[in-house]
Amino acid sequence: MSKLLLNLRHVPDDEAEDVRAMLEKADIPFYETPPNRWGITVGGIWLRDRSDYPRARSLMDEYQRERLLRVRAEREQRRREGREETLWQRVCRQPVRVVASLAAVAFIVFLMMLPFLWIEWAGSS
């Protein structure tokens, strides 16, 4: 029976490729399900045999530890070199998106406060 090893939601392509290569190198049979058309499921990497899961999980844990250290070091290097995008740079690059997001947040807060404001308005008349 199959066992899900990696849900591919928010997984970068290079990481998924590394996991595939790791499983092939370890001779662990797997298959991949594609994402569906509407984005409800994003696919996954499945082990064909559930009994391979402990070994695959151990390999995954080691890979993720190594990847975490590598990615953090790369990000720190970009930050030191001034190549890491700051919040202000992102705001300047996408001003419409930022304003729209802030407006949406303000609207949601207003809707959440509306019952309390309604009580206040009704009580003062």
C-alpha atoms as a PDB file:
ATOM      1  CA  MET A   1       0.000   0.000   0.000  1.00  0.00           C
ATOM      2  CA  SER A   2       1.229   3.518  -0.853  1.00  0.00           C
ATOM      3  CA  LYS A   3       2.338   6.141   1.648  1.00  0.00           C
ATOM      4  CA  LEU A   4       2.650   9.892   1.052  1.00  0.00           C
ATOM      5  CA  LEU A   5       6.194  11.094   1.613  1.00  0.00           C
ATOM      6  CA  LEU A   6       6.016  14.680   0.386  1.00  0.00           C
ATOM      7  CA  ASN A   7       3.059  16.926  -0.353  1.00  0.00           C
ATOM      8  CA  LEU A   8       4.233  19.240  -3.129  1.00  0.00           C
ATOM      9  CA  ARG A   9       2.303  22.312  -1.921  1.00  0.00           C
ATOM     10  CA  HIS A  10       4.750  25.238  -1.638  1.00  0.00           C
ATOM     11  CA  VAL A  11       7.701  22.974  -2.464  1.00  0.00           C
ATOM     12  CA  PRO A  12      10.229  24.584  -4.824  1.00  0.00           C
ATOM     13  CA  ASP A  13      11.027  22.648  -7.995  1.00  0.00           C
ATOM     14  CA  ASP A  14      14.661  22.163  -6.997  1.00  0.00           C
ATOM     15  CA  GLU A  15      13.658  20.585  -3.684  1.00  0.00           C
ATOM     16  CA  ALA A  16      11.212  18.187  -5.363  1.00  0.00           C
ATOM     17  CA  GLU A  17      13.919  17.270  -7.871  1.00  0.00           C
ATOM     18  CA  ASP A  18      16.391  16.635  -5.034  1.00  0.00           C
ATOM     19  CA  VAL A  19      13.885  14.348  -3.273  1.00  0.00           C
ATOM     20  CA  ARG A  20      13.272  12.376  -6.475  1.00  0.00           C
ATOM     21  CA  ALA A  21      17.019  11.957  -6.987  1.00  0.00           C
ATOM     22  CA  MET A  22      17.492  10.949  -3.336  1.00  0.00           C
ATOM     23  CA  LEU A  23      14.810   8.248  -3.604  1.00  0.00           C
ATOM     24  CA  GLU A  24      16.220   6.934  -6.884  1.00  0.00           C
ATOM     25  CA  LYS A  25      19.725   6.790  -5.408  1.00  0.00           C
ATOM     26  CA  ALA A  26      18.413   4.858  -2.395  1.00  0.00           C
ATOM     27  CA  ASP A  27      16.464   2.470  -4.684  1.00  0.00           C
ATOM     28  CA  ILE A  28      13.172   3.346  -3.033  1.00  0.00           C
ATOM     29  CA  PRO A  29      10.309   2.919  -5.522  1.00  0.00           C
ATOM     30  CA  PHE A  30       8.000   5.921  -5.708  1.00  0.00           C
ATOM     31  CA  TYR A  31       5.528   7.637  -7.962  1.00  0.00           C
ATOM     32  CA  GLU A  32       4.231  11.153  -8.263  1.00  0.00           C
ATOM     33  CA  THR A  33       0.698  12.477  -8.494  1.00  0.00           C
ATOM     34  CA  PRO A  34       0.228  15.646 -10.533  1.00  0.00           C
ATOM     35  CA  PRO A  35      -1.636  18.712  -9.319  1.00  0.00           C
ATOM     36  CA  ASN A  36      -5.257  18.888 -10.334  1.00  0.00           C
ATOM     37  CA  ARG A  37      -6.658  21.478 -12.688  1.00  0.00           C
ATOM     38  CA  TRP A  38      -8.377  23.618 -10.038  1.00  0.00           C
ATOM     39  CA  GLY A  39      -5.553  23.777  -7.516  1.00  0.00           C
ATOM     40  CA  ILE A  40      -7.366  21.794  -4.830  1.00  0.00           C
ATOM     41  CA  THR A  41      -4.545  19.269  -4.696  1.00  0.00           C
ATOM     42  CA  VAL A  42      -1.015  20.097  -5.724  1.00  0.00           C
ATOM     43  CA  GLY A  43       0.336  16.615  -6.103  1.00  0.00           C
ATOM     44  CA  GLY A  44       2.728  14.599  -4.068  1.00  0.00           C
ATOM     45  CA  ILE A  45       5.549  12.096  -4.004  1.00  0.00           C
ATOM     46  CA  TRP A  46       4.315   8.707  -2.824  1.00  0.00           C
ATOM     47  CA  LEU A  47       6.201   5.599  -1.775  1.00  0.00           C
ATOM     48  CA  ARG A  48       4.944   2.466  -3.507  1.00  0.00           C
ATOM     49  CA  ASP A  49       5.572   0.290  -0.465  1.00  0.00           C
ATOM     50  CA  ARG A  50       4.633   1.496   3.004  1.00  0.00           C
ATOM     51  CA  SER A  51       7.465  -0.561   4.518  1.00  0.00           C
ATOM     52  CA  ASP A  52      10.009   1.783   2.849  1.00  0.00           C
ATOM     53  CA  TYR A  53       8.640   4.748   4.793  1.00  0.00           C
ATOM     54  CA  PRO A  54      10.968   4.613   7.860  1.00  0.00           C
ATOM     55  CA  ARG A  55      14.075   4.556   5.665  1.00  0.00           C
ATOM     56  CA  ALA A  56      12.694   7.235   3.322  1.00  0.00           C
ATOM     57  CA  ARG A  57      11.634   9.406   6.273  1.00  0.00           C
ATOM     58  CA  SER A  58      15.131   9.125   7.739  1.00  0.00           C
ATOM     59  CA  LEU A  59      16.651  10.190   4.405  1.00  0.00           C
ATOM     60  CA  MET A  60      14.119  13.050   4.148  1.00  0.00           C
ATOM     61  CA  ASP A  61      14.915  14.282   7.645  1.00  0.00           C
ATOM     62  CA  GLU A  62      18.635  14.352   6.889  1.00  0.00           C
ATOM     63  CA  TYR A  63      18.053  16.058   3.531  1.00  0.00           C
ATOM     64  CA  GLN A  64      15.819  18.713   5.104  1.00  0.00           C
ATOM     65  CA  ARG A  65      18.378  19.454   7.842  1.00  0.00           C
ATOM     66  CA  GLU A  66      21.108  19.907   5.221  1.00  0.00           C
ATOM     67  CA  ARG A  67      18.837  22.013   2.999  1.00  0.00           C
ATOM     68  CA  LEU A  68      17.812  24.247   5.902  1.00  0.00           C
ATOM     69  CA  LEU A  69      21.429  25.002   6.761  1.00  0.00           C
ATOM     70  CA  ARG A  70      22.347  25.619   3.113  1.00  0.00           C
ATOM     71  CA  VAL A  71      19.372  27.888   2.384  1.00  0.00           C
ATOM     72  CA  ARG A  72      19.908  29.903   5.565  1.00  0.00           C
ATOM     73  CA  ALA A  73      23.578  30.367   4.711  1.00  0.00           C
ATOM     74  CA  GLU A  74      22.686  31.463   1.163  1.00  0.00           C
ATOM     75  CA  ARG A  75      20.122  33.953   2.473  1.00  0.00           C
ATOM     76  CA  GLU A  76      22.565  35.343   5.018  1.00  0.00           C
ATOM     77  CA  GLN A  77      25.174  35.727   2.252  1.00  0.00           C
ATOM     78  CA  ARG A  78      22.656  37.625   0.066  1.00  0.00           C
ATOM     79  CA  ARG A  79      21.763  39.842   3.039  1.00  0.00           C
ATOM     80  CA  ARG A  80      25.406  40.666   3.729  1.00  0.00           C
ATOM     81  CA  GLU A  81      25.956  41.490   0.051  1.00  0.00           C
ATOM     82  CA  GLY A  82      22.836  43.668  -0.042  1.00  0.00           C
ATOM     83  CA  ARG A  83      21.071  41.435  -2.579  1.00  0.00           C
ATOM     84  CA  GLU A  84      18.246  40.323  -0.237  1.00  0.00           C
ATOM     85  CA  GLU A  85      15.022  42.174  -1.038  1.00  0.00           C
ATOM     86  CA  THR A  86      13.808  44.395   1.788  1.00  0.00           C
ATOM     87  CA  LEU A  87      10.197  45.152   2.664  1.00  0.00           C
ATOM     88  CA  TRP A  88      10.520  48.668   1.263  1.00  0.00           C
ATOM     89  CA  GLN A  89      11.923  47.337  -2.037  1.00  0.00           C
ATOM     90  CA  ARG A  90       9.007  44.933  -2.277  1.00  0.00           C
ATOM     91  CA  VAL A  91       6.524  47.760  -1.595  1.00  0.00           C
ATOM     92  CA  CYS A  92       8.149  49.862  -4.314  1.00  0.00           C
ATOM     93  CA  ARG A  93       8.149  46.929  -6.742  1.00  0.00           C
ATOM     94  CA  GLN A  94       4.458  46.063  -6.170  1.00  0.00           C
ATOM     95  CA  PRO A  95       2.689  49.174  -4.827  1.00  0.00           C
ATOM     96  CA  VAL A  96      -0.754  48.248  -6.156  1.00  0.00           C
ATOM     97  CA  ARG A  97      -0.620  44.821  -4.543  1.00  0.00           C
ATOM     98  CA  VAL A  98       0.448  46.306  -1.200  1.00  0.00           C
ATOM     99  CA  VAL A  99      -2.288  48.955  -1.234  1.00  0.00           C
ATOM    100  CA  ALA A 100      -4.909  46.380  -2.264  1.00  0.00           C
ATOM    101  CA  SER A 101      -3.783  44.037   0.533  1.00  0.00           C
ATOM    102  CA  LEU A 102      -3.911  46.790   3.136  1.00  0.00           C
ATOM    103  CA  ALA A 103      -7.364  47.864   1.907  1.00  0.00           C
ATOM    104  CA  ALA A 104      -8.591  44.265   2.141  1.00  0.00           C
ATOM    105  CA  VAL A 105      -7.256  43.949   5.688  1.00  0.00           C
ATOM    106  CA  ALA A 106      -8.885  47.250   6.690  1.00  0.00           C
ATOM    107  CA  PHE A 107     -12.201  46.127   5.183  1.00  0.00           C
ATOM    108  CA  ILE A 108     -12.095  42.793   7.027  1.00  0.00           C
ATOM    109  CA  VAL A 109     -11.305  44.555  10.313  1.00  0.00           C
ATOM    110  CA  PHE A 110     -14.200  46.944   9.667  1.00  0.00           C
ATOM    111  CA  LEU A 111     -16.565  43.991   9.041  1.00  0.00           C
ATOM    112  CA  MET A 112     -15.380  42.333  12.247  1.00  0.00           C
ATOM    113  CA  MET A 113     -15.944  45.532  14.237  1.00  0.00           C
ATOM    114  CA  LEU A 114     -19.331  46.271  12.655  1.00  0.00           C
ATOM    115  CA  PRO A 115     -21.429  44.387  15.249  1.00  0.00           C
ATOM    116  CA  PHE A 116     -19.757  46.309  18.073  1.00  0.00           C
ATOM    117  CA  LEU A 117     -20.109  49.613  16.264  1.00  0.00           C
ATOM    118  CA  TRP A 118     -23.751  48.796  15.527  1.00  0.00           C
ATOM    119  CA  ILE A 119     -24.441  48.233  19.213  1.00  0.00           C
ATOM    120  CA  GLU A 120     -22.728  51.545  20.026  1.00  0.00           C
ATOM    121  CA  TRP A 121     -24.680  53.426  17.362  1.00  0.00           C
ATOM    122  CA  ALA A 122     -27.981  51.833  18.392  1.00  0.00           C
ATOM    123  CA  GLY A 123     -27.364  52.528  22.077  1.00  0.00           C
ATOM    124  CA  SER A 124     -26.621  56.207  21.571  1.00  0.00           C
ATOM    125  CA  SER A 125     -29.953  56.987  19.872  1.00  0.00           C
END
